[in-house]
Amino acid sequence: MIVYLLTVAQKNQLLGVEYIADCTYNPLEYANGNWIISQKEVEQTNDEKFAWVKDLLQIEYVKPKDNAS
């Protein structure tokens, strides 16, 4: 699954912002304190103020290992 990498500042810019009507960005904390948003969020962004999300670095999502013993 492809996701898009955010800085903390970019994550803060997106919190509470709708990318389409009734759908808000939902940045998730990823490995090493990084933040990501989904491919769907990026693809459906239609507000020119947030068009920069389409230029974010794409990475392959790797599910964190379960540390339960």
Protein backbone atom coordinates (compact mmCIF):
# COMPACT_ATOMS: atom_id res chain seq x y z
CA MET A 1 0.00 0.00 0.00
CA ILE A 2 1.34 3.44 -0.96
CA VAL A 3 1.23 6.24 1.62
CA TYR A 4 2.62 9.77 1.64
CA LEU A 5 5.22 11.01 4.09
CA LEU A 6 4.62 14.24 6.06
CA THR A 7 6.76 16.43 8.27
CA VAL A 8 5.36 17.38 11.67
CA ALA A 9 4.66 20.90 10.33
CA GLN A 10 2.76 19.49 7.33
CA LYS A 11 0.81 17.16 9.62
CA ASN A 12 -0.21 20.13 11.75
CA GLN A 13 -1.37 22.04 8.65
CA LEU A 14 -3.70 19.19 7.68
CA LEU A 15 -5.32 18.46 11.03
CA GLY A 16 -9.05 19.15 10.87
CA VAL A 17 -8.94 20.15 7.19
CA GLU A 18 -11.41 18.62 4.71
CA TYR A 19 -9.88 17.21 1.53
CA ILE A 20 -13.40 16.72 0.14
CA ALA A 21 -16.78 17.49 1.66
CA ASP A 22 -17.26 15.69 4.98
CA CYS A 23 -13.84 13.95 4.83
CA THR A 24 -10.91 15.31 6.82
CA TYR A 25 -7.25 14.46 6.58
CA ASN A 26 -6.25 11.88 9.16
CA PRO A 27 -2.46 11.90 9.52
CA LEU A 28 -1.17 8.79 11.25
CA GLU A 29 2.07 8.46 13.15
CA TYR A 30 4.37 6.06 11.39
CA ALA A 31 7.85 4.74 12.14
CA ASN A 32 10.49 6.90 13.80
CA GLY A 33 8.11 9.76 14.57
CA ASN A 34 7.18 10.27 10.92
CA TRP A 35 3.63 11.01 9.80
CA ILE A 36 1.71 9.72 6.80
CA ILE A 37 -1.55 10.22 4.95
CA SER A 38 -3.29 7.79 2.63
CA GLN A 39 -3.22 7.64 -1.14
CA LYS A 40 -6.99 8.24 -1.13
CA GLU A 41 -6.55 11.51 0.80
CA VAL A 42 -3.94 12.72 -1.68
CA GLU A 43 -5.84 11.62 -4.80
CA GLN A 44 -9.08 13.25 -3.67
CA THR A 45 -7.55 16.58 -2.60
CA ASN A 46 -9.19 19.28 -4.68
CA ASP A 47 -8.39 22.44 -2.67
CA GLU A 48 -5.59 24.39 -4.36
CA LYS A 49 -4.27 25.49 -0.94
CA PHE A 50 -3.40 21.86 -0.23
CA ALA A 51 -2.33 20.78 -3.73
CA TRP A 52 1.19 20.40 -2.28
CA VAL A 53 0.16 17.02 -0.84
CA LYS A 54 0.33 15.63 -4.39
CA ASP A 55 4.09 16.33 -4.34
CA LEU A 56 4.78 14.47 -1.07
CA LEU A 57 7.20 11.57 -1.04
CA GLN A 58 5.45 8.26 -1.73
CA ILE A 59 6.54 5.31 0.37
CA GLU A 60 5.40 1.73 0.75
CA TYR A 61 3.54 1.25 4.03
CA VAL A 62 5.11 -1.43 6.18
CA LYS A 63 2.97 -2.69 9.02
CA PRO A 64 4.80 -2.32 12.34
CA LYS A 65 5.85 -5.62 13.89
CA ASP A 66 3.74 -6.78 16.82
CA ASN A 67 5.94 -6.67 19.93
CA ALA A 68 3.61 -8.89 21.97
CA SER A 69 5.36 -11.92 23.39
